[in-house]
Amino acid sequence: MLTDKDAQHIASELRSRRSAAGKRKLKASKPLKVLPRTSNADTTNEDTDVKRAALNQTLQVLELLPANSAYARHRRVIIQKALDLLDAERSATQDSELEELLKRLDIN
C-alpha cells in the first residue's frame, strides 16, 4: 500500500512536473515509484491480490492529480472497472473468456 511518505513524494513530484520549465526538464524526471503491474492473465489468489494492490495504488496516485483533469477522471473509471472485474464471481467459461481478453489488454 501507499504510505503517507510515498504519497507526499508522489504529490511533490507531480507538482514539480506540472511547473516544469520545458520538455527537457520533463524528459529528465524519474518515473514514479509504483507496485509492479502484471499483464499475465493467471488468476491465482496471490496474483489477484497483487493486481488488486497495484490497481488500488494507481487509484491513490490518480487521486493526487487535479480533480478537473479529464485524464485522471477517465483513468479512475477504467481502474474501478478493472477492480470490479477482479471482484466479480464468474463461471469457468466466463473466467477463461476473461483471461483471453486480459491477455490482449495493455493498461500501461
PDB file of N, CA and C in Angstrom:
ATOM      1  N   MET A   1       0.825  -1.181   0.000  1.00  0.00           N
ATOM      2  CA  MET A   1       0.000   0.000   0.000  1.00  0.00           C
ATOM      3  C   MET A   1       0.872   1.248   0.000  1.00  0.00           C
ATOM      4  N   LEU A   2       0.278   2.339  -0.327  1.00  0.00           N
ATOM      5  CA  LEU A   2       0.961   3.617  -0.438  1.00  0.00           C
ATOM      6  C   LEU A   2       1.027   4.269   0.937  1.00  0.00           C
ATOM      7  N   THR A   3       2.226   4.527   1.432  1.00  0.00           N
ATOM      8  CA  THR A   3       2.380   5.183   2.727  1.00  0.00           C
ATOM      9  C   THR A   3       2.229   6.687   2.557  1.00  0.00           C
ATOM     10  N   ASP A   4       2.052   7.385   3.674  1.00  0.00           N
ATOM     11  CA  ASP A   4       1.916   8.841   3.620  1.00  0.00           C
ATOM     12  C   ASP A   4       3.171   9.488   3.042  1.00  0.00           C
ATOM     13  N   LYS A   5       4.325   8.950   3.407  1.00  0.00           N
ATOM     14  CA  LYS A   5       5.588   9.496   2.893  1.00  0.00           C
ATOM     15  C   LYS A   5       5.661   9.331   1.378  1.00  0.00           C
ATOM     16  N   ASP A   6       5.259   8.141   0.874  1.00  0.00           N
ATOM     17  CA  ASP A   6       5.257   7.911  -0.575  1.00  0.00           C
ATOM     18  C   ASP A   6       4.257   8.830  -1.268  1.00  0.00           C
ATOM     19  N   ALA A   7       3.086   9.019  -0.652  1.00  0.00           N
ATOM     20  CA  ALA A   7       2.063   9.888  -1.239  1.00  0.00           C
ATOM     21  C   ALA A   7       2.561  11.324  -1.321  1.00  0.00           C
ATOM     22  N   GLN A   8       3.244  11.792  -0.276  1.00  0.00           N
ATOM     23  CA  GLN A   8       3.792  13.147  -0.295  1.00  0.00           C
ATOM     24  C   GLN A   8       4.866  13.286  -1.368  1.00  0.00           C
ATOM     25  N   HIS A   9       5.699  12.249  -1.507  1.00  0.00           N
ATOM     26  CA  HIS A   9       6.746  12.286  -2.537  1.00  0.00           C
ATOM     27  C   HIS A   9       6.122  12.332  -3.932  1.00  0.00           C
ATOM     28  N   ILE A  10       5.111  11.514  -4.156  1.00  0.00           N
ATOM     29  CA  ILE A  10       4.452  11.488  -5.462  1.00  0.00           C
ATOM     30  C   ILE A  10       3.771  12.821  -5.730  1.00  0.00           C
ATOM     31  N   ALA A  11       3.109  13.391  -4.709  1.00  0.00           N
ATOM     32  CA  ALA A  11       2.439  14.680  -4.883  1.00  0.00           C
ATOM     33  C   ALA A  11       3.442  15.773  -5.238  1.00  0.00           C
ATOM     34  N   SER A  12       4.584  15.797  -4.556  1.00  0.00           N
ATOM     35  CA  SER A  12       5.587  16.816  -4.869  1.00  0.00           C
ATOM     36  C   SER A  12       6.177  16.593  -6.260  1.00  0.00           C
ATOM     37  N   GLU A  13       6.355  15.335  -6.645  1.00  0.00           N
ATOM     38  CA  GLU A  13       6.868  15.023  -7.984  1.00  0.00           C
ATOM     39  C   GLU A  13       5.878  15.482  -9.057  1.00  0.00           C
ATOM     40  N   LEU A  14       4.583  15.256  -8.822  1.00  0.00           N
ATOM     41  CA  LEU A  14       3.571  15.696  -9.783  1.00  0.00           C
ATOM     42  C   LEU A  14       3.528  17.220  -9.867  1.00  0.00           C
ATOM     43  N   ARG A  15       3.653  17.905  -8.718  1.00  0.00           N
ATOM     44  CA  ARG A  15       3.671  19.372  -8.731  1.00  0.00           C
ATOM     45  C   ARG A  15       4.880  19.892  -9.499  1.00  0.00           C
ATOM     46  N   SER A  16       6.028  19.271  -9.295  1.00  0.00           N
ATOM     47  CA  SER A  16       7.225  19.744  -9.989  1.00  0.00           C
ATOM     48  C   SER A  16       7.123  19.484 -11.490  1.00  0.00           C
ATOM     49  N   ARG A  17       6.490  18.399 -11.872  1.00  0.00           N
ATOM     50  CA  ARG A  17       6.315  18.122 -13.303  1.00  0.00           C
ATOM     51  C   ARG A  17       5.350  19.121 -13.926  1.00  0.00           C
ATOM     52  N   ARG A  18       4.327  19.525 -13.160  1.00  0.00           N
ATOM     53  CA  ARG A  18       3.345  20.464 -13.664  1.00  0.00           C
ATOM     54  C   ARG A  18       3.977  21.830 -13.904  1.00  0.00           C
ATOM     55  N   SER A  19       4.943  22.210 -13.065  1.00  0.00           N
ATOM     56  CA  SER A  19       5.555  23.524 -13.184  1.00  0.00           C
ATOM     57  C   SER A  19       6.901  23.472 -13.907  1.00  0.00           C
ATOM     58  N   ALA A  20       7.105  22.441 -14.702  1.00  0.00           N
ATOM     59  CA  ALA A  20       8.375  22.277 -15.405  1.00  0.00           C
ATOM     60  C   ALA A  20       8.578  23.408 -16.410  1.00  0.00           C
ATOM     61  N   ALA A  21       9.839  23.812 -16.563  1.00  0.00           N
ATOM     62  CA  ALA A  21      10.174  24.923 -17.451  1.00  0.00           C
ATOM     63  C   ALA A  21      10.074  24.537 -18.924  1.00  0.00           C
ATOM     64  N   GLY A  22      10.182  23.285 -19.244  1.00  0.00           N
ATOM     65  CA  GLY A  22      10.119  22.867 -20.634  1.00  0.00           C
ATOM     66  C   GLY A  22      10.183  21.363 -20.765  1.00  0.00           C
ATOM     67  N   LYS A  23      10.169  20.907 -22.003  1.00  0.00           N
ATOM     68  CA  LYS A  23      10.182  19.471 -22.267  1.00  0.00           C
ATOM     69  C   LYS A  23      11.465  18.812 -21.783  1.00  0.00           C
ATOM     70  N   ARG A  24      12.561  19.542 -21.830  1.00  0.00           N
ATOM     71  CA  ARG A  24      13.840  18.973 -21.414  1.00  0.00           C
ATOM     72  C   ARG A  24      13.786  18.541 -19.947  1.00  0.00           C
ATOM     73  N   LYS A  25      13.167  19.339 -19.107  1.00  0.00           N
ATOM     74  CA  LYS A  25      13.070  19.007 -17.689  1.00  0.00           C
ATOM     75  C   LYS A  25      12.167  17.791 -17.481  1.00  0.00           C
ATOM     76  N   LEU A  26      11.109  17.670 -18.270  1.00  0.00           N
ATOM     77  CA  LEU A  26      10.212  16.521 -18.149  1.00  0.00           C
ATOM     78  C   LEU A  26      10.904  15.226 -18.548  1.00  0.00           C
ATOM     79  N   LYS A  27      11.736  15.278 -19.573  1.00  0.00           N
ATOM     80  CA  LYS A  27      12.439  14.078 -20.016  1.00  0.00           C
ATOM     81  C   LYS A  27      13.433  13.597 -18.968  1.00  0.00           C
ATOM     82  N   ALA A  28      13.977  14.515 -18.190  1.00  0.00           N
ATOM     83  CA  ALA A  28      14.981  14.153 -17.193  1.00  0.00           C
ATOM     84  C   ALA A  28      14.366  13.603 -15.913  1.00  0.00           C
ATOM     85  N   SER A  29      13.047  13.751 -15.735  1.00  0.00           N
ATOM     86  CA  SER A  29      12.434  13.295 -14.489  1.00  0.00           C
ATOM     87  C   SER A  29      12.409  11.775 -14.425  1.00  0.00           C
ATOM     88  N   LYS A  30      12.448  11.270 -13.208  1.00  0.00           N
ATOM     89  CA  LYS A  30      12.465   9.829 -12.987  1.00  0.00           C
ATOM     90  C   LYS A  30      11.036   9.313 -12.872  1.00  0.00           C
ATOM     91  N   PRO A  31      10.792   8.053 -13.198  1.00  0.00           N
ATOM     92  CA  PRO A  31       9.441   7.507 -13.080  1.00  0.00           C
ATOM     93  C   PRO A  31       9.017   7.427 -11.620  1.00  0.00           C
ATOM     94  N   LEU A  32       7.694   7.489 -11.400  1.00  0.00           N
ATOM     95  CA  LEU A  32       7.153   7.389 -10.055  1.00  0.00           C
ATOM     96  C   LEU A  32       7.286   5.969  -9.530  1.00  0.00           C
ATOM     97  N   LYS A  33       7.444   5.848  -8.220  1.00  0.00           N
ATOM     98  CA  LYS A  33       7.571   4.536  -7.589  1.00  0.00           C
ATOM     99  C   LYS A  33       6.171   3.930  -7.444  1.00  0.00           C
ATOM    100  N   VAL A  34       5.935   2.803  -8.109  1.00  0.00           N
ATOM    101  CA  VAL A  34       4.643   2.124  -8.018  1.00  0.00           C
ATOM    102  C   VAL A  34       4.867   0.625  -7.914  1.00  0.00           C
ATOM    103  N   LEU A  35       3.818  -0.079  -7.528  1.00  0.00           N
ATOM    104  CA  LEU A  35       3.887  -1.532  -7.491  1.00  0.00           C
ATOM    105  C   LEU A  35       4.014  -2.067  -8.908  1.00  0.00           C
ATOM    106  N   PRO A  36       4.619  -3.229  -9.086  1.00  0.00           N
ATOM    107  CA  PRO A  36       4.741  -3.785 -10.436  1.00  0.00           C
ATOM    108  C   PRO A  36       3.378  -4.126 -11.009  1.00  0.00           C
ATOM    109  N   ARG A  37       3.208  -3.831 -12.270  1.00  0.00           N
ATOM    110  CA  ARG A  37       1.964  -4.178 -12.950  1.00  0.00           C
ATOM    111  C   ARG A  37       2.188  -5.465 -13.707  1.00  0.00           C
ATOM    112  N   THR A  38       1.194  -6.333 -13.676  1.00  0.00           N
ATOM    113  CA  THR A  38       1.331  -7.606 -14.366  1.00  0.00           C
ATOM    114  C   THR A  38       0.294  -7.687 -15.466  1.00  0.00           C
ATOM    115  N   SER A  39       0.682  -8.227 -16.597  1.00  0.00           N
ATOM    116  CA  SER A  39      -0.266  -8.419 -17.687  1.00  0.00           C
ATOM    117  C   SER A  39      -0.582  -9.889 -17.869  1.00  0.00           C
ATOM    118  N   ASN A  40       0.013 -10.743 -17.040  1.00  0.00           N
ATOM    119  CA  ASN A  40      -0.239 -12.172 -17.111  1.00  0.00           C
ATOM    120  C   ASN A  40      -1.662 -12.446 -16.645  1.00  0.00           C
ATOM    121  N   ALA A  41      -2.407 -13.257 -17.332  1.00  0.00           N
ATOM    122  CA  ALA A  41      -3.812 -13.484 -17.025  1.00  0.00           C
ATOM    123  C   ALA A  41      -4.036 -14.623 -16.038  1.00  0.00           C
ATOM    124  N   ASP A  42      -2.987 -15.160 -15.435  1.00  0.00           N
ATOM    125  CA  ASP A  42      -3.171 -16.194 -14.422  1.00  0.00           C
ATOM    126  C   ASP A  42      -3.923 -15.590 -13.247  1.00  0.00           C
ATOM    127  N   THR A  43      -4.956 -16.287 -12.777  1.00  0.00           N
ATOM    128  CA  THR A  43      -5.821 -15.703 -11.764  1.00  0.00           C
ATOM    129  C   THR A  43      -5.758 -16.465 -10.451  1.00  0.00           C
ATOM    130  N   THR A  44      -4.581 -16.763  -9.974  1.00  0.00           N
ATOM    131  CA  THR A  44      -4.473 -17.357  -8.658  1.00  0.00           C
ATOM    132  C   THR A  44      -4.765 -16.270  -7.631  1.00  0.00           C
ATOM    133  N   ASN A  45      -5.067 -16.684  -6.412  1.00  0.00           N
ATOM    134  CA  ASN A  45      -5.402 -15.715  -5.371  1.00  0.00           C
ATOM    135  C   ASN A  45      -4.265 -14.738  -5.119  1.00  0.00           C
ATOM    136  N   GLU A  46      -3.044 -15.239  -5.126  1.00  0.00           N
ATOM    137  CA  GLU A  46      -1.892 -14.372  -4.886  1.00  0.00           C
ATOM    138  C   GLU A  46      -1.744 -13.348  -6.007  1.00  0.00           C
ATOM    139  N   ASP A  47      -1.899 -13.784  -7.257  1.00  0.00           N
ATOM    140  CA  ASP A  47      -1.817 -12.858  -8.388  1.00  0.00           C
ATOM    141  C   ASP A  47      -2.935 -11.825  -8.326  1.00  0.00           C
ATOM    142  N   THR A  48      -4.131 -12.278  -7.957  1.00  0.00           N
ATOM    143  CA  THR A  48      -5.264 -11.369  -7.861  1.00  0.00           C
ATOM    144  C   THR A  48      -5.009 -10.319  -6.787  1.00  0.00           C
ATOM    145  N   ASP A  49      -4.425 -10.735  -5.671  1.00  0.00           N
ATOM    146  CA  ASP A  49      -4.118  -9.785  -4.600  1.00  0.00           C
ATOM    147  C   ASP A  49      -3.080  -8.766  -5.048  1.00  0.00           C
ATOM    148  N   VAL A  50      -2.078  -9.209  -5.793  1.00  0.00           N
ATOM    149  CA  VAL A  50      -1.055  -8.289  -6.296  1.00  0.00           C
ATOM    150  C   VAL A  50      -1.678  -7.312  -7.291  1.00  0.00           C
ATOM    151  N   LYS A  51      -2.524  -7.823  -8.173  1.00  0.00           N
ATOM    152  CA  LYS A  51      -3.185  -6.955  -9.151  1.00  0.00           C
ATOM    153  C   LYS A  51      -4.090  -5.948  -8.458  1.00  0.00           C
ATOM    154  N   ARG A  52      -4.847  -6.417  -7.462  1.00  0.00           N
ATOM    155  CA  ARG A  52      -5.743  -5.531  -6.725  1.00  0.00           C
ATOM    156  C   ARG A  52      -4.935  -4.441  -6.003  1.00  0.00           C
ATOM    157  N   ALA A  53      -3.809  -4.817  -5.405  1.00  0.00           N
ATOM    158  CA  ALA A  53      -2.965  -3.838  -4.708  1.00  0.00           C
ATOM    159  C   ALA A  53      -2.401  -2.811  -5.689  1.00  0.00           C
ATOM    160  N   ALA A  54      -1.970  -3.271  -6.858  1.00  0.00           N
ATOM    161  CA  ALA A  54      -1.433  -2.350  -7.870  1.00  0.00           C
ATOM    162  C   ALA A  54      -2.515  -1.392  -8.361  1.00  0.00           C
ATOM    163  N   LEU A  55      -3.730  -1.908  -8.569  1.00  0.00           N
ATOM    164  CA  LEU A  55      -4.827  -1.052  -9.020  1.00  0.00           C
ATOM    165  C   LEU A  55      -5.213  -0.044  -7.941  1.00  0.00           C
ATOM    166  N   ASN A  56      -5.258  -0.482  -6.692  1.00  0.00           N
ATOM    167  CA  ASN A  56      -5.580   0.439  -5.598  1.00  0.00           C
ATOM    168  C   ASN A  56      -4.514   1.514  -5.452  1.00  0.00           C
ATOM    169  N   GLN A  57      -3.258   1.133  -5.629  1.00  0.00           N
ATOM    170  CA  GLN A  57      -2.186   2.118  -5.544  1.00  0.00           C
ATOM    171  C   GLN A  57      -2.286   3.112  -6.702  1.00  0.00           C
ATOM    172  N   THR A  58      -2.639   2.625  -7.878  1.00  0.00           N
ATOM    173  CA  THR A  58      -2.820   3.518  -9.019  1.00  0.00           C
ATOM    174  C   THR A  58      -3.951   4.504  -8.751  1.00  0.00           C
ATOM    175  N   LEU A  59      -5.038   4.019  -8.127  1.00  0.00           N
ATOM    176  CA  LEU A  59      -6.136   4.916  -7.763  1.00  0.00           C
ATOM    177  C   LEU A  59      -5.663   5.993  -6.796  1.00  0.00           C
ATOM    178  N   GLN A  60      -4.831   5.622  -5.831  1.00  0.00           N
ATOM    179  CA  GLN A  60      -4.321   6.600  -4.871  1.00  0.00           C
ATOM    180  C   GLN A  60      -3.471   7.654  -5.568  1.00  0.00           C
ATOM    181  N   VAL A  61      -2.670   7.242  -6.529  1.00  0.00           N
ATOM    182  CA  VAL A  61      -1.852   8.201  -7.275  1.00  0.00           C
ATOM    183  C   VAL A  61      -2.746   9.114  -8.107  1.00  0.00           C
ATOM    184  N   LEU A  62      -3.783   8.565  -8.724  1.00  0.00           N
ATOM    185  CA  LEU A  62      -4.691   9.372  -9.538  1.00  0.00           C
ATOM    186  C   LEU A  62      -5.462  10.379  -8.692  1.00  0.00           C
ATOM    187  N   GLU A  63      -5.714  10.053  -7.424  1.00  0.00           N
ATOM    188  CA  GLU A  63      -6.390  10.991  -6.532  1.00  0.00           C
ATOM    189  C   GLU A  63      -5.536  12.234  -6.285  1.00  0.00           C
ATOM    190  N   LEU A  64      -4.229  12.128  -6.471  1.00  0.00           N
ATOM    191  CA  LEU A  64      -3.335  13.264  -6.269  1.00  0.00           C
ATOM    192  C   LEU A  64      -3.347  14.226  -7.454  1.00  0.00           C
ATOM    193  N   LEU A  65      -3.855  13.775  -8.589  1.00  0.00           N
ATOM    194  CA  LEU A  65      -3.932  14.638  -9.769  1.00  0.00           C
ATOM    195  C   LEU A  65      -5.076  15.638  -9.604  1.00  0.00           C
ATOM    196  N   PRO A  66      -5.064  16.727 -10.354  1.00  0.00           N
ATOM    197  CA  PRO A  66      -6.139  17.722 -10.233  1.00  0.00           C
ATOM    198  C   PRO A  66      -7.516  17.100 -10.479  1.00  0.00           C
ATOM    199  N   ALA A  67      -8.503  17.555  -9.700  1.00  0.00           N
ATOM    200  CA  ALA A  67      -9.853  16.991  -9.775  1.00  0.00           C
ATOM    201  C   ALA A  67     -10.512  17.251 -11.127  1.00  0.00           C
ATOM    202  N   ASN A  68     -10.146  18.336 -11.798  1.00  0.00           N
ATOM    203  CA  ASN A  68     -10.772  18.652 -13.080  1.00  0.00           C
ATOM    204  C   ASN A  68     -10.029  18.052 -14.271  1.00  0.00           C
ATOM    205  N   SER A  69      -9.076  17.164 -14.018  1.00  0.00           N
ATOM    206  CA  SER A  69      -8.309  16.537 -15.087  1.00  0.00           C
ATOM    207  C   SER A  69      -9.143  15.440 -15.756  1.00  0.00           C
ATOM    208  N   ALA A  70      -9.402  15.595 -17.039  1.00  0.00           N
ATOM    209  CA  ALA A  70     -10.170  14.583 -17.776  1.00  0.00           C
ATOM    210  C   ALA A  70      -9.409  13.266 -17.818  1.00  0.00           C
ATOM    211  N   TYR A  71      -8.092  13.347 -17.936  1.00  0.00           N
ATOM    212  CA  TYR A  71      -7.263  12.139 -17.944  1.00  0.00           C
ATOM    213  C   TYR A  71      -7.434  11.371 -16.643  1.00  0.00           C
ATOM    214  N   ALA A  72      -7.327  12.070 -15.510  1.00  0.00           N
ATOM    215  CA  ALA A  72      -7.430  11.407 -14.204  1.00  0.00           C
ATOM    216  C   ALA A  72      -8.819  10.806 -14.008  1.00  0.00           C
ATOM    217  N   ARG A  73      -9.862  11.536 -14.396  1.00  0.00           N
ATOM    218  CA  ARG A  73     -11.234  11.006 -14.256  1.00  0.00           C
ATOM    219  C   ARG A  73     -11.403   9.740 -15.083  1.00  0.00           C
ATOM    220  N   HIS A  74     -10.927   9.765 -16.320  1.00  0.00           N
ATOM    221  CA  HIS A  74     -11.062   8.601 -17.202  1.00  0.00           C
ATOM    222  C   HIS A  74     -10.291   7.407 -16.646  1.00  0.00           C
ATOM    223  N   ARG A  75      -9.058   7.631 -16.208  1.00  0.00           N
ATOM    224  CA  ARG A  75      -8.259   6.534 -15.651  1.00  0.00           C
ATOM    225  C   ARG A  75      -8.905   5.955 -14.395  1.00  0.00           C
ATOM    226  N   ARG A  76      -9.500   6.814 -13.545  1.00  0.00           N
ATOM    227  CA  ARG A  76     -10.188   6.320 -12.340  1.00  0.00           C
ATOM    228  C   ARG A  76     -11.339   5.401 -12.721  1.00  0.00           C
ATOM    229  N   VAL A  77     -12.098   5.783 -13.743  1.00  0.00           N
ATOM    230  CA  VAL A  77     -13.222   4.950 -14.192  1.00  0.00           C
ATOM    231  C   VAL A  77     -12.708   3.603 -14.688  1.00  0.00           C
ATOM    232  N   ILE A  78     -11.650   3.611 -15.484  1.00  0.00           N
ATOM    233  CA  ILE A  78     -11.089   2.375 -16.030  1.00  0.00           C
ATOM    234  C   ILE A  78     -10.549   1.484 -14.914  1.00  0.00           C
ATOM    235  N   ILE A  79      -9.822   2.069 -13.973  1.00  0.00           N
ATOM    236  CA  ILE A  79      -9.259   1.289 -12.866  1.00  0.00           C
ATOM    237  C   ILE A  79     -10.377   0.710 -12.010  1.00  0.00           C
ATOM    238  N   GLN A  80     -11.427   1.495 -11.768  1.00  0.00           N
ATOM    239  CA  GLN A  80     -12.551   0.996 -10.968  1.00  0.00           C
ATOM    240  C   GLN A  80     -13.243  -0.172 -11.675  1.00  0.00           C
ATOM    241  N   LYS A  81     -13.377  -0.100 -12.988  1.00  0.00           N
ATOM    242  CA  LYS A  81     -13.972  -1.213 -13.741  1.00  0.00           C
ATOM    243  C   LYS A  81     -13.093  -2.459 -13.656  1.00  0.00           C
ATOM    244  N   ALA A  82     -11.783  -2.264 -13.697  1.00  0.00           N
ATOM    245  CA  ALA A  82     -10.869  -3.403 -13.566  1.00  0.00           C
ATOM    246  C   ALA A  82     -10.998  -4.040 -12.186  1.00  0.00           C
ATOM    247  N   LEU A  83     -11.138  -3.218 -11.151  1.00  0.00           N
ATOM    248  CA  LEU A  83     -11.342  -3.754  -9.799  1.00  0.00           C
ATOM    249  C   LEU A  83     -12.659  -4.516  -9.708  1.00  0.00           C
ATOM    250  N   ASP A  84     -13.701  -3.991 -10.350  1.00  0.00           N
ATOM    251  CA  ASP A  84     -14.992  -4.688 -10.363  1.00  0.00           C
ATOM    252  C   ASP A  84     -14.871  -6.046 -11.045  1.00  0.00           C
ATOM    253  N   LEU A  85     -14.095  -6.112 -12.128  1.00  0.00           N
ATOM    254  CA  LEU A  85     -13.891  -7.389 -12.814  1.00  0.00           C
ATOM    255  C   LEU A  85     -13.156  -8.392 -11.932  1.00  0.00           C
ATOM    256  N   LEU A  86     -12.182  -7.907 -11.159  1.00  0.00           N
ATOM    257  CA  LEU A  86     -11.447  -8.805 -10.266  1.00  0.00           C
ATOM    258  C   LEU A  86     -12.336  -9.348  -9.153  1.00  0.00           C
ATOM    259  N   ASP A  87     -13.291  -8.539  -8.691  1.00  0.00           N
ATOM    260  CA  ASP A  87     -14.134  -8.930  -7.563  1.00  0.00           C
ATOM    261  C   ASP A  87     -15.352  -9.755  -7.968  1.00  0.00           C
ATOM    262  N   ALA A  88     -15.707  -9.772  -9.244  1.00  0.00           N
ATOM    263  CA  ALA A  88     -16.931 -10.443  -9.690  1.00  0.00           C
ATOM    264  C   ALA A  88     -16.793 -11.965  -9.632  1.00  0.00           C
ATOM    265  N   GLU A  89     -17.907 -12.625  -9.313  1.00  0.00           N
ATOM    266  CA  GLU A  89     -17.967 -14.089  -9.345  1.00  0.00           C
ATOM    267  C   GLU A  89     -18.232 -14.519 -10.789  1.00  0.00           C
ATOM    268  N   ARG A  90     -17.460 -15.509 -11.271  1.00  0.00           N
ATOM    269  CA  ARG A  90     -17.601 -15.947 -12.661  1.00  0.00           C
ATOM    270  C   ARG A  90     -17.584 -17.466 -12.735  1.00  0.00           C
ATOM    271  N   SER A  91     -18.209 -17.975 -13.796  1.00  0.00           N
ATOM    272  CA  SER A  91     -18.146 -19.411 -14.065  1.00  0.00           C
ATOM    273  C   SER A  91     -16.810 -19.713 -14.747  1.00  0.00           C
ATOM    274  N   ALA A  92     -16.518 -20.989 -14.946  1.00  0.00           N
ATOM    275  CA  ALA A  92     -15.244 -21.387 -15.557  1.00  0.00           C
ATOM    276  C   ALA A  92     -15.126 -20.864 -16.988  1.00  0.00           C
ATOM    277  N   THR A  93     -16.216 -20.919 -17.754  1.00  0.00           N
ATOM    278  CA  THR A  93     -16.158 -20.426 -19.138  1.00  0.00           C
ATOM    279  C   THR A  93     -15.985 -18.911 -19.167  1.00  0.00           C
ATOM    280  N   GLN A  94     -16.689 -18.222 -18.279  1.00  0.00           N
ATOM    281  CA  GLN A  94     -16.535 -16.770 -18.221  1.00  0.00           C
ATOM    282  C   GLN A  94     -15.112 -16.402 -17.803  1.00  0.00           C
ATOM    283  N   ASP A  95     -14.563 -17.187 -16.892  1.00  0.00           N
ATOM    284  CA  ASP A  95     -13.202 -16.938 -16.428  1.00  0.00           C
ATOM    285  C   ASP A  95     -12.193 -17.126 -17.559  1.00  0.00           C
ATOM    286  N   SER A  96     -12.368 -18.164 -18.363  1.00  0.00           N
ATOM    287  CA  SER A  96     -11.443 -18.389 -19.483  1.00  0.00           C
ATOM    288  C   SER A  96     -11.590 -17.303 -20.549  1.00  0.00           C
ATOM    289  N   GLU A  97     -12.829 -16.845 -20.798  1.00  0.00           N
ATOM    290  CA  GLU A  97     -13.030 -15.753 -21.753  1.00  0.00           C
ATOM    291  C   GLU A  97     -12.352 -14.475 -21.259  1.00  0.00           C
ATOM    292  N   LEU A  98     -12.480 -14.210 -19.965  1.00  0.00           N
ATOM    293  CA  LEU A  98     -11.852 -13.025 -19.393  1.00  0.00           C
ATOM    294  C   LEU A  98     -10.332 -13.112 -19.481  1.00  0.00           C
ATOM    295  N   GLU A  99      -9.787 -14.293 -19.245  1.00  0.00           N
ATOM    296  CA  GLU A  99      -8.339 -14.479 -19.367  1.00  0.00           C
ATOM    297  C   GLU A  99      -7.870 -14.147 -20.776  1.00  0.00           C
ATOM    298  N   GLU A 100      -8.608 -14.608 -21.778  1.00  0.00           N
ATOM    299  CA  GLU A 100      -8.241 -14.326 -23.172  1.00  0.00           C
ATOM    300  C   GLU A 100      -8.294 -12.825 -23.457  1.00  0.00           C
ATOM    301  N   LEU A 101      -9.324 -12.152 -22.942  1.00  0.00           N
ATOM    302  CA  LEU A 101      -9.434 -10.709 -23.148  1.00  0.00           C
ATOM    303  C   LEU A 101      -8.298  -9.960 -22.454  1.00  0.00           C
ATOM    304  N   LEU A 102      -7.973 -10.378 -21.234  1.00  0.00           N
ATOM    305  CA  LEU A 102      -6.928  -9.687 -20.482  1.00  0.00           C
ATOM    306  C   LEU A 102      -5.545  -9.910 -21.080  1.00  0.00           C
ATOM    307  N   LYS A 103      -5.353 -11.027 -21.757  1.00  0.00           N
ATOM    308  CA  LYS A 103      -4.067 -11.262 -22.418  1.00  0.00           C
ATOM    309  C   LYS A 103      -3.831 -10.236 -23.520  1.00  0.00           C
ATOM    310  N   ARG A 104      -4.924  -9.789 -24.132  1.00  0.00           N
ATOM    311  CA  ARG A 104      -4.814  -8.827 -25.237  1.00  0.00           C
ATOM    312  C   ARG A 104      -4.824  -7.376 -24.766  1.00  0.00           C
ATOM    313  N   LEU A 105      -5.148  -7.145 -23.486  1.00  0.00           N
ATOM    314  CA  LEU A 105      -5.294  -5.793 -22.961  1.00  0.00           C
ATOM    315  C   LEU A 105      -3.978  -5.273 -22.404  1.00  0.00           C
ATOM    316  N   ASP A 106      -3.661  -4.023 -22.723  1.00  0.00           N
ATOM    317  CA  ASP A 106      -2.472  -3.365 -22.180  1.00  0.00           C
ATOM    318  C   ASP A 106      -2.923  -2.103 -21.455  1.00  0.00           C
ATOM    319  N   ILE A 107      -2.834  -2.098 -20.112  1.00  0.00           N
ATOM    320  CA  ILE A 107      -3.297  -0.931 -19.353  1.00  0.00           C
ATOM    321  C   ILE A 107      -2.168   0.013 -18.984  1.00  0.00           C
ATOM    322  N   ASN A 108      -0.993  -0.185 -19.497  1.00  0.00           N
ATOM    323  CA  ASN A 108       0.126   0.709 -19.164  1.00  0.00           C
ATOM    324  C   ASN A 108       0.103   1.952 -19.997  1.00  0.00           C
TER     325      ASN A 108
END
